[in-house]
Amino acid sequence: METTVFREGLEIAGLPYFKRLDGDRIGLADPSVGPIIDVHTHLAMAYIRPLSVDLHRADAPTEHYLPMRGRRIDLEVYINRNFTPQDLKSMKRDLTLMSLTAKGMRRTHTIPNLCREMADLGIAKSVSLPIDYPVLSDNAVVTLETLKGRKEFIAFGSVHPYAREVEKKLDRQLALGARGIKVHPAVQAVRPDNRRCLRLYRLCAERGLPVMFHCGPVGIEPRLGRYLSQVVFYEKALAESPETLFVLGHSGALQMEKALEYTKGYPNAYLDLACQSLSHVRTILREADPDRVLFGTDWPFYHQAIGLAKVLMATEGNRELRGKVLYGNAARLFRL
């Protein structure tokens, strides 16, 4: 029988696709898998001031928000269902109070740590997704400048729809190498069908920039964020901005079926598999356009091996589909 529940995350290395490396590292055992593009990662997250973490620091192992030791991992649930109450408390503290400092788990969410995990698992490139407020933050520019020249990364920008001089900010980030724009309604406190959001999407289309949404409620966010992320609020963007390419991050999260439905009606919509359960990954790969499904992990919330295990299990025996999901579709979307 297929194993989908593990006493702790490190036991995922027992699947035939992986192997244990030194310490708590997990490596890819099958050299025929890959190359891989992870379309959903974040470096040390902060919102209301420039990043204070040294993104080049490599002297500490990665502290994922879902620890790989001592935590039962069930691949058949939405991934955040594996958090313990203490995990959730620690994560929320790290993303709020600690985001004003260079301390906490965030100090390990750095370029070298992500690159080490990528190298272990055959991931050639990761998409880095900053998130900015309309004022008091400029994380997109900091991240873009830090990642300039790093071939392992596809760097996105972030322009809040209510920021001043939206076009000027977009053009500056484009000049710094932005390959798309991240929109996170729950964090940025704006509905995705807001008129200013719709204008932002049109401006992105004019510049050839795809939009990566956080799409769908995840069940652990504040009540306002849960409301703003309802998948029904994303259809207007798909319908009124047909020239804009949208990635529905998390495939609609806990409302996956609605996001999957939208992709069947709107050819400008892609699905990102980050955080979905193994059974939902299988449903998406069975029913969605195979050319518009992307692999993502939401690192550093979760180890990249967790999401990769689900895709490898769901594509067993279908190497053509595996290649599209793990690399080909993203390579075409980002014109690599």
C-alpha atoms as a PDB file:
ATOM      1  CA  MET A   1       0.000   0.000   0.000  1.00  0.00           C
ATOM      2  CA  GLU A   2       1.093   3.570  -0.669  1.00  0.00           C
ATOM      3  CA  THR A   3       2.522   5.342   2.358  1.00  0.00           C
ATOM      4  CA  THR A   4       0.998   8.782   2.935  1.00  0.00           C
ATOM      5  CA  VAL A   5       1.411   9.251   6.700  1.00  0.00           C
ATOM      6  CA  PHE A   6       4.833   9.604   8.315  1.00  0.00           C
ATOM      7  CA  ARG A   7       5.744   9.746  12.001  1.00  0.00           C
ATOM      8  CA  GLU A   8       7.898  12.739  11.138  1.00  0.00           C
ATOM      9  CA  GLY A   9       8.836  14.653   8.033  1.00  0.00           C
ATOM     10  CA  LEU A  10      12.301  13.140   7.705  1.00  0.00           C
ATOM     11  CA  GLU A  11      10.718   9.737   7.035  1.00  0.00           C
ATOM     12  CA  ILE A  12       9.696  11.041   3.613  1.00  0.00           C
ATOM     13  CA  ALA A  13      13.282  10.165   2.689  1.00  0.00           C
ATOM     14  CA  GLY A  14      12.141   6.530   2.824  1.00  0.00           C
ATOM     15  CA  LEU A  15      10.091   6.976  -0.339  1.00  0.00           C
ATOM     16  CA  PRO A  16      11.851   5.512  -3.399  1.00  0.00           C
ATOM     17  CA  TYR A  17      12.394   8.970  -4.902  1.00  0.00           C
ATOM     18  CA  PHE A  18      14.578  10.200  -2.025  1.00  0.00           C
ATOM     19  CA  LYS A  19      17.556   9.402   0.168  1.00  0.00           C
ATOM     20  CA  ARG A  20      18.890  10.668   3.486  1.00  0.00           C
ATOM     21  CA  LEU A  21      21.888  12.972   3.362  1.00  0.00           C
ATOM     22  CA  ASP A  22      24.040  14.340   6.161  1.00  0.00           C
ATOM     23  CA  GLY A  23      22.184  15.655   9.183  1.00  0.00           C
ATOM     24  CA  ASP A  24      18.502  16.280   8.513  1.00  0.00           C
ATOM     25  CA  ARG A  25      18.858  16.759   4.775  1.00  0.00           C
ATOM     26  CA  ILE A  26      16.820  14.883   2.170  1.00  0.00           C
ATOM     27  CA  GLY A  27      18.177  14.285  -1.310  1.00  0.00           C
ATOM     28  CA  LEU A  28      16.716  13.218  -4.636  1.00  0.00           C
ATOM     29  CA  ALA A  29      17.628   9.597  -5.374  1.00  0.00           C
ATOM     30  CA  ASP A  30      16.365   9.369  -8.955  1.00  0.00           C
ATOM     31  CA  PRO A  31      18.606  11.403 -11.312  1.00  0.00           C
ATOM     32  CA  SER A  32      16.022  11.109 -14.093  1.00  0.00           C
ATOM     33  CA  VAL A  33      13.696  13.448 -12.197  1.00  0.00           C
ATOM     34  CA  GLY A  34      14.247  17.062 -13.099  1.00  0.00           C
ATOM     35  CA  PRO A  35      15.140  19.722 -13.779  1.00  0.00           C
ATOM     36  CA  ILE A  36      12.551  21.307 -11.487  1.00  0.00           C
ATOM     37  CA  ILE A  37      11.180  24.820 -11.002  1.00  0.00           C
ATOM     38  CA  ASP A  38       9.532  25.685  -7.684  1.00  0.00           C
ATOM     39  CA  VAL A  39       7.146  28.572  -8.447  1.00  0.00           C
ATOM     40  CA  HIS A  40       6.271  29.392  -4.836  1.00  0.00           C
ATOM     41  CA  THR A  41       8.981  30.350  -2.324  1.00  0.00           C
ATOM     42  CA  HIS A  42       9.666  33.252   0.026  1.00  0.00           C
ATOM     43  CA  LEU A  43      12.852  34.602   1.528  1.00  0.00           C
ATOM     44  CA  ALA A  44      12.747  35.967   5.111  1.00  0.00           C
ATOM     45  CA  MET A  45       9.302  37.513   5.111  1.00  0.00           C
ATOM     46  CA  ALA A  46       8.680  41.067   6.318  1.00  0.00           C
ATOM     47  CA  TYR A  47       6.043  43.648   5.472  1.00  0.00           C
ATOM     48  CA  ILE A  48       6.352  47.023   7.190  1.00  0.00           C
ATOM     49  CA  ARG A  49      10.046  47.829   6.923  1.00  0.00           C
ATOM     50  CA  PRO A  50      12.972  46.798   4.703  1.00  0.00           C
ATOM     51  CA  LEU A  51      14.293  43.322   5.321  1.00  0.00           C
ATOM     52  CA  SER A  52      16.601  43.210   8.337  1.00  0.00           C
ATOM     53  CA  VAL A  53      17.721  39.599   7.870  1.00  0.00           C
ATOM     54  CA  ASP A  54      21.076  38.978   6.188  1.00  0.00           C
ATOM     55  CA  LEU A  55      19.847  37.030   3.161  1.00  0.00           C
ATOM     56  CA  HIS A  56      23.370  35.753   2.490  1.00  0.00           C
ATOM     57  CA  ARG A  57      23.731  34.104   5.906  1.00  0.00           C
ATOM     58  CA  ALA A  58      24.417  30.352   5.825  1.00  0.00           C
ATOM     59  CA  ASP A  59      25.602  29.484   9.334  1.00  0.00           C
ATOM     60  CA  ALA A  60      22.399  27.880  10.637  1.00  0.00           C
ATOM     61  CA  PRO A  61      20.161  25.079   9.320  1.00  0.00           C
ATOM     62  CA  THR A  62      16.761  26.048   7.968  1.00  0.00           C
ATOM     63  CA  GLU A  63      13.998  26.273  10.537  1.00  0.00           C
ATOM     64  CA  HIS A  64      10.851  25.542   8.525  1.00  0.00           C
ATOM     65  CA  TYR A  65       7.603  26.691  10.071  1.00  0.00           C
ATOM     66  CA  LEU A  66       6.506  23.039   9.916  1.00  0.00           C
ATOM     67  CA  PRO A  67       9.443  21.223  11.539  1.00  0.00           C
ATOM     68  CA  MET A  68      10.690  18.068   9.867  1.00  0.00           C
ATOM     69  CA  ARG A  69      11.546  16.466  13.206  1.00  0.00           C
ATOM     70  CA  GLY A  70       8.989  15.389  15.769  1.00  0.00           C
ATOM     71  CA  ARG A  71       5.916  16.240  13.651  1.00  0.00           C
ATOM     72  CA  ARG A  72       3.540  13.725  12.116  1.00  0.00           C
ATOM     73  CA  ILE A  73       3.143  14.474   8.398  1.00  0.00           C
ATOM     74  CA  ASP A  74       0.002  13.416   6.553  1.00  0.00           C
ATOM     75  CA  LEU A  75       0.151  13.966   2.794  1.00  0.00           C
ATOM     76  CA  GLU A  76      -3.612  13.486   2.446  1.00  0.00           C
ATOM     77  CA  VAL A  77      -4.610  16.754   4.124  1.00  0.00           C
ATOM     78  CA  TYR A  78      -4.078  20.386   3.232  1.00  0.00           C
ATOM     79  CA  ILE A  79      -0.543  20.804   4.494  1.00  0.00           C
ATOM     80  CA  ASN A  80      -1.202  23.314   7.284  1.00  0.00           C
ATOM     81  CA  ARG A  81      -3.366  20.696   9.016  1.00  0.00           C
ATOM     82  CA  ASN A  82      -0.064  19.158  10.129  1.00  0.00           C
ATOM     83  CA  PHE A  83       0.782  22.138  12.355  1.00  0.00           C
ATOM     84  CA  THR A  84       0.458  21.696  16.097  1.00  0.00           C
ATOM     85  CA  PRO A  85      -1.031  24.584  18.120  1.00  0.00           C
ATOM     86  CA  GLN A  86       2.494  25.445  19.275  1.00  0.00           C
ATOM     87  CA  ASP A  87       3.752  25.448  15.673  1.00  0.00           C
ATOM     88  CA  LEU A  88       1.026  27.924  14.724  1.00  0.00           C
ATOM     89  CA  LYS A  89       1.816  30.144  17.692  1.00  0.00           C
ATOM     90  CA  SER A  90       5.531  30.161  16.856  1.00  0.00           C
ATOM     91  CA  MET A  91       4.900  30.858  13.171  1.00  0.00           C
ATOM     92  CA  LYS A  92       2.532  33.749  13.800  1.00  0.00           C
ATOM     93  CA  ARG A  93       4.964  35.306  16.272  1.00  0.00           C
ATOM     94  CA  ASP A  94       7.787  34.952  13.750  1.00  0.00           C
ATOM     95  CA  LEU A  95       5.724  36.612  11.009  1.00  0.00           C
ATOM     96  CA  THR A  96       4.572  39.509  13.200  1.00  0.00           C
ATOM     97  CA  LEU A  97       6.779  40.565  16.122  1.00  0.00           C
ATOM     98  CA  MET A  98       9.954  38.955  14.813  1.00  0.00           C
ATOM     99  CA  SER A  99       9.489  40.425  11.336  1.00  0.00           C
ATOM    100  CA  LEU A 100      10.733  43.709  12.779  1.00  0.00           C
ATOM    101  CA  THR A 101      14.046  42.089  13.709  1.00  0.00           C
ATOM    102  CA  ALA A 102      16.768  39.843  12.307  1.00  0.00           C
ATOM    103  CA  LYS A 103      15.943  37.157  14.877  1.00  0.00           C
ATOM    104  CA  GLY A 104      13.683  34.145  15.109  1.00  0.00           C
ATOM    105  CA  MET A 105      13.188  31.417  12.536  1.00  0.00           C
ATOM    106  CA  ARG A 106      13.286  34.091   9.809  1.00  0.00           C
ATOM    107  CA  ARG A 107      17.032  34.460  10.240  1.00  0.00           C
ATOM    108  CA  THR A 108      17.415  31.016   8.571  1.00  0.00           C
ATOM    109  CA  HIS A 109      15.169  31.754   5.586  1.00  0.00           C
ATOM    110  CA  THR A 110      18.093  32.846   3.467  1.00  0.00           C
ATOM    111  CA  ILE A 111      19.457  32.396  -0.028  1.00  0.00           C
ATOM    112  CA  PRO A 112      22.156  29.811   0.865  1.00  0.00           C
ATOM    113  CA  ASN A 113      19.711  27.723   2.903  1.00  0.00           C
ATOM    114  CA  LEU A 114      17.134  27.640   0.119  1.00  0.00           C
ATOM    115  CA  CYS A 115      19.823  26.930  -2.469  1.00  0.00           C
ATOM    116  CA  ARG A 116      21.124  24.000  -0.400  1.00  0.00           C
ATOM    117  CA  GLU A 117      17.644  22.458  -0.258  1.00  0.00           C
ATOM    118  CA  MET A 118      17.190  23.053  -3.975  1.00  0.00           C
ATOM    119  CA  ALA A 119      20.502  21.411  -4.812  1.00  0.00           C
ATOM    120  CA  ASP A 120      19.668  18.385  -2.654  1.00  0.00           C
ATOM    121  CA  LEU A 121      16.369  17.883  -4.497  1.00  0.00           C
ATOM    122  CA  GLY A 122      17.329  18.717  -8.079  1.00  0.00           C
ATOM    123  CA  ILE A 123      15.426  22.014  -8.100  1.00  0.00           C
ATOM    124  CA  ALA A 124      17.123  24.210 -10.677  1.00  0.00           C
ATOM    125  CA  LYS A 125      15.203  27.439 -10.020  1.00  0.00           C
ATOM    126  CA  SER A 126      12.856  28.883  -7.422  1.00  0.00           C
ATOM    127  CA  VAL A 127      10.471  31.792  -7.813  1.00  0.00           C
ATOM    128  CA  SER A 128      10.945  34.272  -4.962  1.00  0.00           C
ATOM    129  CA  LEU A 129       7.759  36.101  -3.928  1.00  0.00           C
ATOM    130  CA  PRO A 130       8.019  39.278  -1.813  1.00  0.00           C
ATOM    131  CA  ILE A 131       4.935  41.028  -0.430  1.00  0.00           C
ATOM    132  CA  ASP A 132       4.662  44.792   0.102  1.00  0.00           C
ATOM    133  CA  TYR A 133       2.216  47.154   1.755  1.00  0.00           C
ATOM    134  CA  PRO A 134       1.347  50.511   0.124  1.00  0.00           C
ATOM    135  CA  VAL A 135       3.710  52.352   2.506  1.00  0.00           C
ATOM    136  CA  LEU A 136       6.487  51.567   5.000  1.00  0.00           C
ATOM    137  CA  SER A 137       7.853  48.607   3.070  1.00  0.00           C
ATOM    138  CA  ASP A 138      10.034  48.108   0.019  1.00  0.00           C
ATOM    139  CA  ASN A 139      10.793  44.412   0.257  1.00  0.00           C
ATOM    140  CA  ALA A 140      10.361  43.791  -3.451  1.00  0.00           C
ATOM    141  CA  VAL A 141      13.167  46.182  -4.387  1.00  0.00           C
ATOM    142  CA  VAL A 142      15.436  44.827  -1.634  1.00  0.00           C
ATOM    143  CA  THR A 143      14.832  41.266  -2.809  1.00  0.00           C
ATOM    144  CA  LEU A 144      15.249  42.094  -6.496  1.00  0.00           C
ATOM    145  CA  GLU A 145      18.534  43.882  -5.846  1.00  0.00           C
ATOM    146  CA  THR A 146      19.782  41.015  -3.671  1.00  0.00           C
ATOM    147  CA  LEU A 147      18.895  38.349  -6.235  1.00  0.00           C
ATOM    148  CA  LYS A 148      20.239  40.218  -9.262  1.00  0.00           C
ATOM    149  CA  GLY A 149      22.511  37.883 -11.197  1.00  0.00           C
ATOM    150  CA  ARG A 150      21.448  34.780  -9.238  1.00  0.00           C
ATOM    151  CA  LYS A 151      20.512  32.256 -11.914  1.00  0.00           C
ATOM    152  CA  GLU A 152      18.903  29.941  -9.338  1.00  0.00           C
ATOM    153  CA  PHE A 153      16.082  32.436  -8.840  1.00  0.00           C
ATOM    154  CA  ILE A 154      13.195  33.899 -10.781  1.00  0.00           C
ATOM    155  CA  ALA A 155      12.523  37.079  -8.832  1.00  0.00           C
ATOM    156  CA  PHE A 156       9.040  38.554  -8.613  1.00  0.00           C
ATOM    157  CA  GLY A 157       8.096  42.035  -7.516  1.00  0.00           C
ATOM    158  CA  SER A 158       5.221  43.358  -5.435  1.00  0.00           C
ATOM    159  CA  VAL A 159       3.279  46.582  -5.906  1.00  0.00           C
ATOM    160  CA  HIS A 160       0.321  47.227  -3.636  1.00  0.00           C
ATOM    161  CA  PRO A 161      -2.710  48.417  -5.633  1.00  0.00           C
ATOM    162  CA  TYR A 162      -3.083  51.387  -3.262  1.00  0.00           C
ATOM    163  CA  ALA A 163       0.555  52.465  -3.455  1.00  0.00           C
ATOM    164  CA  ARG A 164       1.422  55.864  -4.888  1.00  0.00           C
ATOM    165  CA  GLU A 165       2.815  55.881  -8.437  1.00  0.00           C
ATOM    166  CA  VAL A 166       1.934  52.269  -9.201  1.00  0.00           C
ATOM    167  CA  GLU A 167       3.216  52.480 -12.775  1.00  0.00           C
ATOM    168  CA  LYS A 168       6.514  53.991 -11.684  1.00  0.00           C
ATOM    169  CA  LYS A 169       6.990  51.243  -9.087  1.00  0.00           C
ATOM    170  CA  LEU A 170       6.197  48.551 -11.632  1.00  0.00           C
ATOM    171  CA  ASP A 171       8.690  49.971 -14.105  1.00  0.00           C
ATOM    172  CA  ARG A 172      11.406  50.234 -11.469  1.00  0.00           C
ATOM    173  CA  GLN A 173      10.907  46.616 -10.445  1.00  0.00           C
ATOM    174  CA  LEU A 174      10.798  45.502 -14.067  1.00  0.00           C
ATOM    175  CA  ALA A 175      14.123  47.274 -14.657  1.00  0.00           C
ATOM    176  CA  LEU A 176      15.561  45.406 -11.651  1.00  0.00           C
ATOM    177  CA  GLY A 177      14.613  42.098 -13.232  1.00  0.00           C
ATOM    178  CA  ALA A 178      11.127  41.322 -11.898  1.00  0.00           C
ATOM    179  CA  ARG A 179       9.554  38.462 -13.864  1.00  0.00           C
ATOM    180  CA  GLY A 180       6.074  38.850 -12.378  1.00  0.00           C
ATOM    181  CA  ILE A 181       4.084  40.450  -9.551  1.00  0.00           C
ATOM    182  CA  LYS A 182       2.863  38.830  -6.334  1.00  0.00           C
ATOM    183  CA  VAL A 183      -0.615  39.736  -5.061  1.00  0.00           C
ATOM    184  CA  HIS A 184      -1.658  38.455  -1.627  1.00  0.00           C
ATOM    185  CA  PRO A 185      -5.180  39.681  -0.769  1.00  0.00           C
ATOM    186  CA  ALA A 186      -5.117  38.321   2.788  1.00  0.00           C
ATOM    187  CA  VAL A 187      -1.821  39.986   3.743  1.00  0.00           C
ATOM    188  CA  GLN A 188      -2.268  43.135   1.664  1.00  0.00           C
ATOM    189  CA  ALA A 189      -5.869  43.541   2.902  1.00  0.00           C
ATOM    190  CA  VAL A 190      -7.488  44.094  -0.480  1.00  0.00           C
ATOM    191  CA  ARG A 191     -10.073  42.103  -2.425  1.00  0.00           C
ATOM    192  CA  PRO A 192      -8.654  40.742  -5.685  1.00  0.00           C
ATOM    193  CA  ASP A 193     -11.603  42.174  -7.647  1.00  0.00           C
ATOM    194  CA  ASN A 194     -11.057  45.687  -6.294  1.00  0.00           C
ATOM    195  CA  ARG A 195     -10.959  48.294  -9.097  1.00  0.00           C
ATOM    196  CA  ARG A 196      -7.380  49.281  -8.230  1.00  0.00           C
ATOM    197  CA  CYS A 197      -6.380  45.635  -8.370  1.00  0.00           C
ATOM    198  CA  LEU A 198      -7.982  45.330 -11.801  1.00  0.00           C
ATOM    199  CA  ARG A 199      -5.941  48.315 -12.977  1.00  0.00           C
ATOM    200  CA  LEU A 200      -2.763  46.719 -11.608  1.00  0.00           C
ATOM    201  CA  TYR A 201      -3.452  43.526 -13.571  1.00  0.00           C
ATOM    202  CA  ARG A 202      -3.874  45.481 -16.810  1.00  0.00           C
ATOM    203  CA  LEU A 203      -0.598  47.292 -16.179  1.00  0.00           C
ATOM    204  CA  CYS A 204       1.109  43.943 -15.596  1.00  0.00           C
ATOM    205  CA  ALA A 205      -0.224  42.615 -18.894  1.00  0.00           C
ATOM    206  CA  GLU A 206       1.157  45.665 -20.725  1.00  0.00           C
ATOM    207  CA  ARG A 207       4.598  44.822 -19.302  1.00  0.00           C
ATOM    208  CA  GLY A 208       4.401  41.084 -19.902  1.00  0.00           C
ATOM    209  CA  LEU A 209       4.337  40.347 -16.170  1.00  0.00           C
ATOM    210  CA  PRO A 210       2.277  37.374 -14.925  1.00  0.00           C
ATOM    211  CA  VAL A 211       0.457  37.783 -11.611  1.00  0.00           C
ATOM    212  CA  MET A 212       0.964  35.224  -8.844  1.00  0.00           C
ATOM    213  CA  PHE A 213      -2.042  35.220  -6.532  1.00  0.00           C
ATOM    214  CA  HIS A 214      -2.385  33.847  -3.084  1.00  0.00           C
ATOM    215  CA  CYS A 215      -5.737  32.255  -3.911  1.00  0.00           C
ATOM    216  CA  GLY A 216      -8.215  30.796  -1.449  1.00  0.00           C
ATOM    217  CA  PRO A 217      -8.699  30.588   2.324  1.00  0.00           C
ATOM    218  CA  VAL A 218      -6.277  28.382   4.238  1.00  0.00           C
ATOM    219  CA  GLY A 219      -8.142  28.216   7.545  1.00  0.00           C
ATOM    220  CA  ILE A 220      -5.430  29.612   9.834  1.00  0.00           C
ATOM    221  CA  GLU A 221      -5.458  33.255   8.711  1.00  0.00           C
ATOM    222  CA  PRO A 222      -7.352  36.086  10.471  1.00  0.00           C
ATOM    223  CA  ARG A 223     -11.063  36.364   9.656  1.00  0.00           C
ATOM    224  CA  LEU A 224     -10.593  39.355   7.334  1.00  0.00           C
ATOM    225  CA  GLY A 225      -7.893  37.569   5.349  1.00  0.00           C
ATOM    226  CA  ARG A 226     -10.112  34.507   5.037  1.00  0.00           C
ATOM    227  CA  TYR A 227     -12.900  36.660   3.603  1.00  0.00           C
ATOM    228  CA  LEU A 228     -10.647  38.510   1.171  1.00  0.00           C
ATOM    229  CA  SER A 229      -9.245  35.223  -0.177  1.00  0.00           C
ATOM    230  CA  GLN A 230     -12.567  33.630  -1.125  1.00  0.00           C
ATOM    231  CA  VAL A 231     -12.076  32.140  -4.577  1.00  0.00           C
ATOM    232  CA  VAL A 232     -15.275  33.708  -5.953  1.00  0.00           C
ATOM    233  CA  PHE A 233     -13.531  37.099  -5.750  1.00  0.00           C
ATOM    234  CA  TYR A 234     -10.907  36.063  -8.333  1.00  0.00           C
ATOM    235  CA  GLU A 235     -13.163  35.407 -11.312  1.00  0.00           C
ATOM    236  CA  LYS A 236     -13.553  39.078 -12.212  1.00  0.00           C
ATOM    237  CA  ALA A 237      -9.781  39.400 -12.623  1.00  0.00           C
ATOM    238  CA  LEU A 238      -9.684  36.382 -14.943  1.00  0.00           C
ATOM    239  CA  ALA A 239     -12.629  37.637 -16.971  1.00  0.00           C
ATOM    240  CA  GLU A 240     -11.738  41.330 -17.268  1.00  0.00           C
ATOM    241  CA  SER A 241      -7.991  40.910 -17.821  1.00  0.00           C
ATOM    242  CA  PRO A 242      -7.785  38.164 -20.452  1.00  0.00           C
ATOM    243  CA  GLU A 243      -4.325  39.327 -21.553  1.00  0.00           C
ATOM    244  CA  THR A 244      -2.944  38.905 -18.032  1.00  0.00           C
ATOM    245  CA  LEU A 245      -1.594  35.481 -17.083  1.00  0.00           C
ATOM    246  CA  PHE A 246      -2.625  34.562 -13.550  1.00  0.00           C
ATOM    247  CA  VAL A 247      -1.266  31.819 -11.301  1.00  0.00           C
ATOM    248  CA  LEU A 248      -3.853  30.768  -8.721  1.00  0.00           C
ATOM    249  CA  GLY A 249      -1.452  30.077  -5.863  1.00  0.00           C
ATOM    250  CA  HIS A 250      -2.316  27.049  -3.727  1.00  0.00           C
ATOM    251  CA  SER A 251      -4.904  26.091  -6.384  1.00  0.00           C
ATOM    252  CA  GLY A 252      -7.589  27.844  -4.366  1.00  0.00           C
ATOM    253  CA  ALA A 253      -6.371  26.353  -1.059  1.00  0.00           C
ATOM    254  CA  LEU A 254      -9.416  24.972   0.800  1.00  0.00           C
ATOM    255  CA  GLN A 255     -11.645  25.870  -2.170  1.00  0.00           C
ATOM    256  CA  MET A 256      -9.694  23.922  -4.761  1.00  0.00           C
ATOM    257  CA  GLU A 257     -12.754  22.785  -6.707  1.00  0.00           C
ATOM    258  CA  LYS A 258     -13.785  26.366  -7.510  1.00  0.00           C
ATOM    259  CA  ALA A 259     -10.269  27.316  -8.672  1.00  0.00           C
ATOM    260  CA  LEU A 260     -10.126  24.202 -10.849  1.00  0.00           C
ATOM    261  CA  GLU A 261     -13.487  25.168 -12.341  1.00  0.00           C
ATOM    262  CA  TYR A 262     -12.175  28.629 -13.236  1.00  0.00           C
ATOM    263  CA  THR A 263      -9.187  27.226 -15.104  1.00  0.00           C
ATOM    264  CA  LYS A 264     -11.556  25.269 -17.320  1.00  0.00           C
ATOM    265  CA  GLY A 265     -13.282  28.475 -18.372  1.00  0.00           C
ATOM    266  CA  TYR A 266     -10.362  30.905 -18.460  1.00  0.00           C
ATOM    267  CA  PRO A 267      -7.262  30.020 -20.510  1.00  0.00           C
ATOM    268  CA  ASN A 268      -5.244  32.753 -18.737  1.00  0.00           C
ATOM    269  CA  ALA A 269      -5.388  30.867 -15.405  1.00  0.00           C
ATOM    270  CA  TYR A 270      -2.717  28.493 -14.101  1.00  0.00           C
ATOM    271  CA  LEU A 271      -2.795  26.372 -10.942  1.00  0.00           C
ATOM    272  CA  ASP A 272       0.067  26.164  -8.437  1.00  0.00           C
ATOM    273  CA  LEU A 273       0.030  22.909  -6.442  1.00  0.00           C
ATOM    274  CA  ALA A 274       1.658  24.329  -3.296  1.00  0.00           C
ATOM    275  CA  CYS A 275       0.172  22.894  -0.082  1.00  0.00           C
ATOM    276  CA  GLN A 276      -2.604  20.817  -1.664  1.00  0.00           C
ATOM    277  CA  SER A 277      -3.258  17.271  -0.437  1.00  0.00           C
ATOM    278  CA  LEU A 278      -2.067  14.311  -2.465  1.00  0.00           C
ATOM    279  CA  SER A 279      -5.639  13.397  -3.473  1.00  0.00           C
ATOM    280  CA  HIS A 280      -6.291  16.976  -4.641  1.00  0.00           C
ATOM    281  CA  VAL A 281      -3.025  16.988  -6.579  1.00  0.00           C
ATOM    282  CA  ARG A 282      -4.228  13.848  -8.340  1.00  0.00           C
ATOM    283  CA  THR A 283      -7.607  15.419  -9.079  1.00  0.00           C
ATOM    284  CA  ILE A 284      -5.981  18.536 -10.528  1.00  0.00           C
ATOM    285  CA  LEU A 285      -3.611  16.511 -12.701  1.00  0.00           C
ATOM    286  CA  ARG A 286      -6.511  14.403 -13.940  1.00  0.00           C
ATOM    287  CA  GLU A 287      -8.932  17.251 -14.725  1.00  0.00           C
ATOM    288  CA  ALA A 288      -6.928  20.427 -15.395  1.00  0.00           C
ATOM    289  CA  ASP A 289      -5.170  21.430 -18.605  1.00  0.00           C
ATOM    290  CA  PRO A 290      -1.816  19.641 -18.151  1.00  0.00           C
ATOM    291  CA  ASP A 291      -0.031  22.640 -19.699  1.00  0.00           C
ATOM    292  CA  ARG A 292      -1.251  25.007 -16.951  1.00  0.00           C
ATOM    293  CA  VAL A 293      -0.289  23.220 -13.739  1.00  0.00           C
ATOM    294  CA  LEU A 294       2.821  24.281 -11.814  1.00  0.00           C
ATOM    295  CA  PHE A 295       4.890  22.839  -8.970  1.00  0.00           C
ATOM    296  CA  GLY A 296       5.256  24.960  -5.832  1.00  0.00           C
ATOM    297  CA  THR A 297       6.124  24.363  -2.183  1.00  0.00           C
ATOM    298  CA  ASP A 298       5.644  27.580  -0.144  1.00  0.00           C
ATOM    299  CA  TRP A 299       9.172  27.337   1.318  1.00  0.00           C
ATOM    300  CA  PRO A 300      10.145  28.163   4.129  1.00  0.00           C
ATOM    301  CA  PHE A 301       6.760  27.273   5.586  1.00  0.00           C
ATOM    302  CA  TYR A 302       7.410  23.696   4.415  1.00  0.00           C
ATOM    303  CA  HIS A 303      10.361  21.601   3.274  1.00  0.00           C
ATOM    304  CA  GLN A 304      10.442  21.352  -0.523  1.00  0.00           C
ATOM    305  CA  ALA A 305      10.552  17.547  -0.326  1.00  0.00           C
ATOM    306  CA  ILE A 306       6.964  17.403   0.973  1.00  0.00           C
ATOM    307  CA  GLY A 307       5.429  19.018  -2.092  1.00  0.00           C
ATOM    308  CA  LEU A 308       7.793  17.206  -4.428  1.00  0.00           C
ATOM    309  CA  ALA A 309       6.819  13.835  -2.941  1.00  0.00           C
ATOM    310  CA  LYS A 310       3.154  14.475  -3.791  1.00  0.00           C
ATOM    311  CA  VAL A 311       3.868  15.355  -7.420  1.00  0.00           C
ATOM    312  CA  LEU A 312       6.164  12.375  -7.882  1.00  0.00           C
ATOM    313  CA  MET A 313       3.572  10.027  -6.395  1.00  0.00           C
ATOM    314  CA  ALA A 314       0.757  11.536  -8.470  1.00  0.00           C
ATOM    315  CA  THR A 315       2.717  11.295 -11.742  1.00  0.00           C
ATOM    316  CA  GLU A 316       4.077   7.788 -11.238  1.00  0.00           C
ATOM    317  CA  GLY A 317       4.243   6.128 -14.663  1.00  0.00           C
ATOM    318  CA  ASN A 318       3.600   9.374 -16.577  1.00  0.00           C
ATOM    319  CA  ARG A 319       6.953  11.025 -17.201  1.00  0.00           C
ATOM    320  CA  GLU A 320       5.576  13.407 -19.819  1.00  0.00           C
ATOM    321  CA  LEU A 321       3.098  14.913 -17.350  1.00  0.00           C
ATOM    322  CA  ARG A 322       5.740  14.959 -14.616  1.00  0.00           C
ATOM    323  CA  GLY A 323       8.104  16.907 -16.835  1.00  0.00           C
ATOM    324  CA  LYS A 324       5.434  19.484 -17.666  1.00  0.00           C
ATOM    325  CA  VAL A 325       4.415  20.049 -14.054  1.00  0.00           C
ATOM    326  CA  LEU A 326       7.907  20.102 -12.582  1.00  0.00           C
ATOM    327  CA  TYR A 327       9.585  22.201 -15.270  1.00  0.00           C
ATOM    328  CA  GLY A 328       8.129  22.636 -18.738  1.00  0.00           C
ATOM    329  CA  ASN A 329       5.028  24.659 -17.923  1.00  0.00           C
ATOM    330  CA  ALA A 330       6.902  27.111 -15.693  1.00  0.00           C
ATOM    331  CA  ALA A 331       9.733  27.436 -18.193  1.00  0.00           C
ATOM    332  CA  ARG A 332       7.235  28.436 -20.866  1.00  0.00           C
ATOM    333  CA  LEU A 333       5.339  30.813 -18.554  1.00  0.00           C
ATOM    334  CA  PHE A 334       8.541  32.621 -17.575  1.00  0.00           C
ATOM    335  CA  ARG A 335      10.030  32.446 -21.086  1.00  0.00           C
ATOM    336  CA  LEU A 336      13.185  30.667 -19.973  1.00  0.00           C
END
